[in-house]
């Protein structure tokens, strides 16, 4: 398990926006990652995921993985 590093947040999209809980989790993940010297990745899935990737980065994610489908 030593090869797995970083913090992964599975984000939720609600009504075309990042759900408030996702914003909160990205912020908490950023704090934890800073303490560990690691990165924060966020996974967004849904029909509008690509459009919200930049917003997740603005809230503290280093990487955003997108799975876009209706």
PDB file of N, CA and C in Angstrom:
ATOM      1  N   UNK A   1       0.811  -1.194   0.000  1.00  0.00           N
ATOM      2  CA  UNK A   1       0.000   0.000   0.000  1.00  0.00           C
ATOM      3  C   UNK A   1       0.859   1.264   0.000  1.00  0.00           C
ATOM      4  N   UNK A   2       2.155   1.120   0.193  1.00  0.00           N
ATOM      5  CA  UNK A   2       3.034   2.282   0.225  1.00  0.00           C
ATOM      6  C   UNK A   2       3.087   3.027  -1.104  1.00  0.00           C
ATOM      7  N   UNK A   3       2.707   2.395  -2.193  1.00  0.00           N
ATOM      8  CA  UNK A   3       2.791   3.054  -3.493  1.00  0.00           C
ATOM      9  C   UNK A   3       1.627   4.016  -3.736  1.00  0.00           C
ATOM     10  N   UNK A   4       0.585   3.971  -2.912  1.00  0.00           N
ATOM     11  CA  UNK A   4      -0.561   4.868  -3.062  1.00  0.00           C
ATOM     12  C   UNK A   4      -0.372   6.084  -2.178  1.00  0.00           C
ATOM     13  N   UNK A   5      -0.354   7.244  -2.786  1.00  0.00           N
ATOM     14  CA  UNK A   5      -0.133   8.475  -2.031  1.00  0.00           C
ATOM     15  C   UNK A   5      -1.118   9.538  -2.462  1.00  0.00           C
ATOM     16  N   UNK A   6      -1.296  10.520  -1.631  1.00  0.00           N
ATOM     17  CA  UNK A   6      -2.161  11.637  -1.962  1.00  0.00           C
ATOM     18  C   UNK A   6      -3.537  11.471  -1.353  1.00  0.00           C
ATOM     19  N   UNK A   7      -4.367  12.479  -1.587  1.00  0.00           N
ATOM     20  CA  UNK A   7      -5.731  12.525  -1.080  1.00  0.00           C
ATOM     21  C   UNK A   7      -6.668  12.548  -2.278  1.00  0.00           C
ATOM     22  N   UNK A   8      -7.669  11.672  -2.274  1.00  0.00           N
ATOM     23  CA  UNK A   8      -8.642  11.622  -3.354  1.00  0.00           C
ATOM     24  C   UNK A   8     -10.015  11.993  -2.820  1.00  0.00           C
ATOM     25  N   UNK A   9     -10.641  12.953  -3.467  1.00  0.00           N
ATOM     26  CA  UNK A   9     -11.997  13.377  -3.131  1.00  0.00           C
ATOM     27  C   UNK A   9     -12.909  12.962  -4.285  1.00  0.00           C
ATOM     28  N   UNK A  10     -13.962  12.224  -3.979  1.00  0.00           N
ATOM     29  CA  UNK A  10     -14.986  11.892  -4.980  1.00  0.00           C
ATOM     30  C   UNK A  10     -16.062  12.955  -4.862  1.00  0.00           C
ATOM     31  N   UNK A  11     -16.121  13.835  -5.850  1.00  0.00           N
ATOM     32  CA  UNK A  11     -17.007  14.986  -5.792  1.00  0.00           C
ATOM     33  C   UNK A  11     -18.416  14.696  -6.277  1.00  0.00           C
ATOM     34  N   UNK A  12     -19.330  15.525  -5.815  1.00  0.00           N
ATOM     35  CA  UNK A  12     -20.731  15.422  -6.199  1.00  0.00           C
ATOM     36  C   UNK A  12     -21.143  16.688  -6.939  1.00  0.00           C
ATOM     37  N   UNK A  13     -21.890  16.499  -8.013  1.00  0.00           N
ATOM     38  CA  UNK A  13     -22.440  17.619  -8.775  1.00  0.00           C
ATOM     39  C   UNK A  13     -23.932  17.679  -8.491  1.00  0.00           C
ATOM     40  N   UNK A  14     -24.404  18.842  -8.082  1.00  0.00           N
ATOM     41  CA  UNK A  14     -25.827  19.022  -7.772  1.00  0.00           C
ATOM     42  C   UNK A  14     -26.341  20.261  -8.486  1.00  0.00           C
ATOM     43  N   UNK A  15     -27.357  20.086  -9.295  1.00  0.00           N
ATOM     44  CA  UNK A  15     -27.987  21.191 -10.023  1.00  0.00           C
ATOM     45  C   UNK A  15     -26.981  21.993 -10.844  1.00  0.00           C
ATOM     46  N   UNK A  16     -26.057  21.288 -11.472  1.00  0.00           N
ATOM     47  CA  UNK A  16     -25.099  21.929 -12.361  1.00  0.00           C
ATOM     48  C   UNK A  16     -23.937  22.618 -11.680  1.00  0.00           C
ATOM     49  N   UNK A  17     -23.790  22.439 -10.363  1.00  0.00           N
ATOM     50  CA  UNK A  17     -22.702  23.073  -9.610  1.00  0.00           C
ATOM     51  C   UNK A  17     -22.039  22.025  -8.726  1.00  0.00           C
ATOM     52  N   UNK A  18     -20.825  22.349  -8.264  1.00  0.00           N
ATOM     53  CA  UNK A  18     -20.223  21.487  -7.254  1.00  0.00           C
ATOM     54  C   UNK A  18     -21.088  21.550  -6.006  1.00  0.00           C
ATOM     55  N   UNK A  19     -21.427  20.402  -5.470  1.00  0.00           N
ATOM     56  CA  UNK A  19     -22.223  20.365  -4.249  1.00  0.00           C
ATOM     57  C   UNK A  19     -21.419  21.001  -3.113  1.00  0.00           C
ATOM     58  N   UNK A  20     -22.079  21.699  -2.194  1.00  0.00           N
ATOM     59  CA  UNK A  20     -21.370  22.324  -1.074  1.00  0.00           C
ATOM     60  C   UNK A  20     -20.477  21.349  -0.300  1.00  0.00           C
ATOM     61  N   UNK A  21     -20.916  20.106  -0.149  1.00  0.00           N
ATOM     62  CA  UNK A  21     -20.092  19.130   0.574  1.00  0.00           C
ATOM     63  C   UNK A  21     -18.799  18.843  -0.179  1.00  0.00           C
ATOM     64  N   UNK A  22     -18.842  18.883  -1.503  1.00  0.00           N
ATOM     65  CA  UNK A  22     -17.636  18.665  -2.296  1.00  0.00           C
ATOM     66  C   UNK A  22     -16.647  19.802  -2.083  1.00  0.00           C
ATOM     67  N   UNK A  23     -17.134  21.020  -2.060  1.00  0.00           N
ATOM     68  CA  UNK A  23     -16.270  22.179  -1.813  1.00  0.00           C
ATOM     69  C   UNK A  23     -15.619  22.060  -0.445  1.00  0.00           C
ATOM     70  N   UNK A  24     -16.407  21.665   0.548  1.00  0.00           N
ATOM     71  CA  UNK A  24     -15.882  21.502   1.909  1.00  0.00           C
ATOM     72  C   UNK A  24     -14.832  20.386   1.960  1.00  0.00           C
ATOM     73  N   UNK A  25     -15.117  19.269   1.298  1.00  0.00           N
ATOM     74  CA  UNK A  25     -14.174  18.150   1.305  1.00  0.00           C
ATOM     75  C   UNK A  25     -12.871  18.481   0.581  1.00  0.00           C
ATOM     76  N   UNK A  26     -12.952  19.225  -0.509  1.00  0.00           N
ATOM     77  CA  UNK A  26     -11.726  19.621  -1.205  1.00  0.00           C
ATOM     78  C   UNK A  26     -10.874  20.502  -0.289  1.00  0.00           C
ATOM     79  N   UNK A  27     -11.516  21.418   0.437  1.00  0.00           N
ATOM     80  CA  UNK A  27     -10.779  22.269   1.375  1.00  0.00           C
ATOM     81  C   UNK A  27     -10.119  21.465   2.492  1.00  0.00           C
ATOM     82  N   UNK A  28     -10.852  20.509   3.052  1.00  0.00           N
ATOM     83  CA  UNK A  28     -10.291  19.653   4.102  1.00  0.00           C
ATOM     84  C   UNK A  28      -9.200  18.748   3.545  1.00  0.00           C
ATOM     85  N   UNK A  29      -9.408  18.258   2.325  1.00  0.00           N
ATOM     86  CA  UNK A  29      -8.393  17.442   1.675  1.00  0.00           C
ATOM     87  C   UNK A  29      -7.117  18.221   1.426  1.00  0.00           C
ATOM     88  N   UNK A  30      -7.275  19.500   1.052  1.00  0.00           N
ATOM     89  CA  UNK A  30      -6.113  20.364   0.827  1.00  0.00           C
ATOM     90  C   UNK A  30      -5.313  20.523   2.121  1.00  0.00           C
ATOM     91  N   UNK A  31      -6.024  20.737   3.227  1.00  0.00           N
ATOM     92  CA  UNK A  31      -5.361  20.897   4.527  1.00  0.00           C
ATOM     93  C   UNK A  31      -4.606  19.618   4.906  1.00  0.00           C
ATOM     94  N   UNK A  32      -5.236  18.471   4.744  1.00  0.00           N
ATOM     95  CA  UNK A  32      -4.601  17.196   5.055  1.00  0.00           C
ATOM     96  C   UNK A  32      -3.404  16.942   4.152  1.00  0.00           C
ATOM     97  N   UNK A  33      -3.571  17.195   2.859  1.00  0.00           N
ATOM     98  CA  UNK A  33      -2.478  16.980   1.909  1.00  0.00           C
ATOM     99  C   UNK A  33      -1.285  17.868   2.227  1.00  0.00           C
ATOM    100  N   UNK A  34      -1.548  19.101   2.628  1.00  0.00           N
ATOM    101  CA  UNK A  34      -0.449  19.999   3.006  1.00  0.00           C
ATOM    102  C   UNK A  34       0.320  19.446   4.197  1.00  0.00           C
ATOM    103  N   UNK A  35      -0.410  18.912   5.173  1.00  0.00           N
ATOM    104  CA  UNK A  35       0.235  18.337   6.358  1.00  0.00           C
ATOM    105  C   UNK A  35       1.074  17.108   6.001  1.00  0.00           C
ATOM    106  N   UNK A  36       0.609  16.336   5.024  1.00  0.00           N
ATOM    107  CA  UNK A  36       1.299  15.111   4.621  1.00  0.00           C
ATOM    108  C   UNK A  36       2.337  15.338   3.526  1.00  0.00           C
ATOM    109  N   UNK A  37       2.334  16.528   2.940  1.00  0.00           N
ATOM    110  CA  UNK A  37       3.234  16.801   1.822  1.00  0.00           C
ATOM    111  C   UNK A  37       2.812  16.068   0.563  1.00  0.00           C
ATOM    112  N   UNK A  38       1.516  15.920   0.364  1.00  0.00           N
ATOM    113  CA  UNK A  38       0.967  15.183  -0.769  1.00  0.00           C
ATOM    114  C   UNK A  38       0.104  16.087  -1.648  1.00  0.00           C
ATOM    115  N   UNK A  39      -0.535  15.504  -2.654  1.00  0.00           N
ATOM    116  CA  UNK A  39      -1.409  16.248  -3.554  1.00  0.00           C
ATOM    117  C   UNK A  39      -2.865  15.868  -3.300  1.00  0.00           C
ATOM    118  N   UNK A  40      -3.769  16.719  -3.799  1.00  0.00           N
ATOM    119  CA  UNK A  40      -5.208  16.465  -3.723  1.00  0.00           C
ATOM    120  C   UNK A  40      -5.728  16.234  -5.133  1.00  0.00           C
ATOM    121  N   UNK A  41      -6.414  15.118  -5.319  1.00  0.00           N
ATOM    122  CA  UNK A  41      -7.073  14.830  -6.587  1.00  0.00           C
ATOM    123  C   UNK A  41      -8.566  14.761  -6.335  1.00  0.00           C
ATOM    124  N   UNK A  42      -9.330  15.223  -7.314  1.00  0.00           N
ATOM    125  CA  UNK A  42     -10.781  15.181  -7.215  1.00  0.00           C
ATOM    126  C   UNK A  42     -11.338  14.450  -8.420  1.00  0.00           C
ATOM    127  N   UNK A  43     -12.270  13.549  -8.177  1.00  0.00           N
ATOM    128  CA  UNK A  43     -12.968  12.829  -9.237  1.00  0.00           C
ATOM    129  C   UNK A  43     -14.356  13.423  -9.377  1.00  0.00           C
ATOM    130  N   UNK A  44     -14.689  13.872 -10.583  1.00  0.00           N
ATOM    131  CA  UNK A  44     -16.022  14.404 -10.875  1.00  0.00           C
ATOM    132  C   UNK A  44     -16.650  13.554 -11.959  1.00  0.00           C
ATOM    133  N   UNK A  45     -17.885  13.123 -11.733  1.00  0.00           N
ATOM    134  CA  UNK A  45     -18.602  12.317 -12.708  1.00  0.00           C
ATOM    135  C   UNK A  45     -19.958  12.939 -12.983  1.00  0.00           C
ATOM    136  N   UNK A  46     -20.332  12.990 -14.251  1.00  0.00           N
ATOM    137  CA  UNK A  46     -21.634  13.521 -14.618  1.00  0.00           C
ATOM    138  C   UNK A  46     -21.584  14.262 -15.932  1.00  0.00           C
ATOM    139  N   UNK A  47     -22.729  14.772 -16.340  1.00  0.00           N
ATOM    140  CA  UNK A  47     -22.826  15.413 -17.646  1.00  0.00           C
ATOM    141  C   UNK A  47     -22.142  16.772 -17.706  1.00  0.00           C
ATOM    142  N   UNK A  48     -21.896  17.422 -16.585  1.00  0.00           N
ATOM    143  CA  UNK A  48     -21.276  18.747 -16.580  1.00  0.00           C
ATOM    144  C   UNK A  48     -19.924  18.747 -15.877  1.00  0.00           C
ATOM    145  N   UNK A  49     -19.328  17.586 -15.753  1.00  0.00           N
ATOM    146  CA  UNK A  49     -18.100  17.448 -14.978  1.00  0.00           C
ATOM    147  C   UNK A  49     -16.949  18.288 -15.537  1.00  0.00           C
ATOM    148  N   UNK A  50     -16.756  18.298 -16.839  1.00  0.00           N
ATOM    149  CA  UNK A  50     -15.637  19.047 -17.431  1.00  0.00           C
ATOM    150  C   UNK A  50     -15.717  20.533 -17.124  1.00  0.00           C
ATOM    151  N   UNK A  51     -16.918  21.072 -17.161  1.00  0.00           N
ATOM    152  CA  UNK A  51     -17.103  22.500 -16.912  1.00  0.00           C
ATOM    153  C   UNK A  51     -16.782  22.886 -15.472  1.00  0.00           C
ATOM    154  N   UNK A  52     -16.822  21.919 -14.558  1.00  0.00           N
ATOM    155  CA  UNK A  52     -16.596  22.221 -13.136  1.00  0.00           C
ATOM    156  C   UNK A  52     -15.180  21.896 -12.674  1.00  0.00           C
ATOM    157  N   UNK A  53     -14.369  21.338 -13.541  1.00  0.00           N
ATOM    158  CA  UNK A  53     -13.010  20.953 -13.160  1.00  0.00           C
ATOM    159  C   UNK A  53     -12.196  22.153 -12.684  1.00  0.00           C
ATOM    160  N   UNK A  54     -12.269  23.258 -13.385  1.00  0.00           N
ATOM    161  CA  UNK A  54     -11.510  24.457 -13.015  1.00  0.00           C
ATOM    162  C   UNK A  54     -11.962  24.979 -11.653  1.00  0.00           C
ATOM    163  N   UNK A  55     -13.236  24.857 -11.362  1.00  0.00           N
ATOM    164  CA  UNK A  55     -13.749  25.300 -10.065  1.00  0.00           C
ATOM    165  C   UNK A  55     -13.160  24.443  -8.937  1.00  0.00           C
ATOM    166  N   UNK A  56     -13.059  23.147  -9.142  1.00  0.00           N
ATOM    167  CA  UNK A  56     -12.459  22.267  -8.134  1.00  0.00           C
ATOM    168  C   UNK A  56     -11.002  22.646  -7.884  1.00  0.00           C
ATOM    169  N   UNK A  57     -10.296  22.998  -8.942  1.00  0.00           N
ATOM    170  CA  UNK A  57      -8.901  23.445  -8.796  1.00  0.00           C
ATOM    171  C   UNK A  57      -8.845  24.740  -7.991  1.00  0.00           C
ATOM    172  N   UNK A  58      -9.779  25.639  -8.251  1.00  0.00           N
ATOM    173  CA  UNK A  58      -9.813  26.910  -7.512  1.00  0.00           C
ATOM    174  C   UNK A  58     -10.037  26.692  -6.016  1.00  0.00           C
ATOM    175  N   UNK A  59     -10.735  25.629  -5.667  1.00  0.00           N
ATOM    176  CA  UNK A  59     -10.978  25.328  -4.258  1.00  0.00           C
ATOM    177  C   UNK A  59      -9.855  24.522  -3.610  1.00  0.00           C
ATOM    178  N   UNK A  60      -8.845  24.113  -4.382  1.00  0.00           N
ATOM    179  CA  UNK A  60      -7.686  23.470  -3.770  1.00  0.00           C
ATOM    180  C   UNK A  60      -7.227  22.165  -4.369  1.00  0.00           C
ATOM    181  N   UNK A  61      -7.922  21.630  -5.345  1.00  0.00           N
ATOM    182  CA  UNK A  61      -7.490  20.375  -5.962  1.00  0.00           C
ATOM    183  C   UNK A  61      -6.269  20.617  -6.849  1.00  0.00           C
ATOM    184  N   UNK A  62      -5.329  19.700  -6.807  1.00  0.00           N
ATOM    185  CA  UNK A  62      -4.175  19.768  -7.704  1.00  0.00           C
ATOM    186  C   UNK A  62      -4.497  19.128  -9.051  1.00  0.00           C
ATOM    187  N   UNK A  63      -5.275  18.058  -9.009  1.00  0.00           N
ATOM    188  CA  UNK A  63      -5.659  17.309 -10.208  1.00  0.00           C
ATOM    189  C   UNK A  63      -7.159  17.065 -10.159  1.00  0.00           C
ATOM    190  N   UNK A  64      -7.773  17.046 -11.329  1.00  0.00           N
ATOM    191  CA  UNK A  64      -9.196  16.707 -11.420  1.00  0.00           C
ATOM    192  C   UNK A  64      -9.341  15.652 -12.502  1.00  0.00           C
ATOM    193  N   UNK A  65      -9.952  14.540 -12.129  1.00  0.00           N
ATOM    194  CA  UNK A  65     -10.264  13.469 -13.065  1.00  0.00           C
ATOM    195  C   UNK A  65     -11.752  13.562 -13.391  1.00  0.00           C
ATOM    196  N   UNK A  66     -12.068  13.486 -14.674  1.00  0.00           N
ATOM    197  CA  UNK A  66     -13.440  13.693 -15.127  1.00  0.00           C
ATOM    198  C   UNK A  66     -13.929  12.451 -15.860  1.00  0.00           C
ATOM    199  N   UNK A  67     -15.129  12.014 -15.497  1.00  0.00           N
ATOM    200  CA  UNK A  67     -15.841  10.970 -16.236  1.00  0.00           C
ATOM    201  C   UNK A  67     -17.171  11.598 -16.633  1.00  0.00           C
ATOM    202  N   UNK A  68     -17.251  11.988 -17.896  1.00  0.00           N
ATOM    203  CA  UNK A  68     -18.417  12.762 -18.329  1.00  0.00           C
ATOM    204  C   UNK A  68     -19.355  11.891 -19.163  1.00  0.00           C
ATOM    205  N   UNK A  69     -20.615  11.886 -18.750  1.00  0.00           N
ATOM    206  CA  UNK A  69     -21.658  11.147 -19.448  1.00  0.00           C
ATOM    207  C   UNK A  69     -22.999  11.651 -18.933  1.00  0.00           C
ATOM    208  N   UNK A  70     -23.989  11.621 -19.792  1.00  0.00           N
ATOM    209  CA  UNK A  70     -25.332  12.027 -19.357  1.00  0.00           C
ATOM    210  C   UNK A  70     -25.872  10.998 -18.398  1.00  0.00           C
TER     211      UNK A  70
END
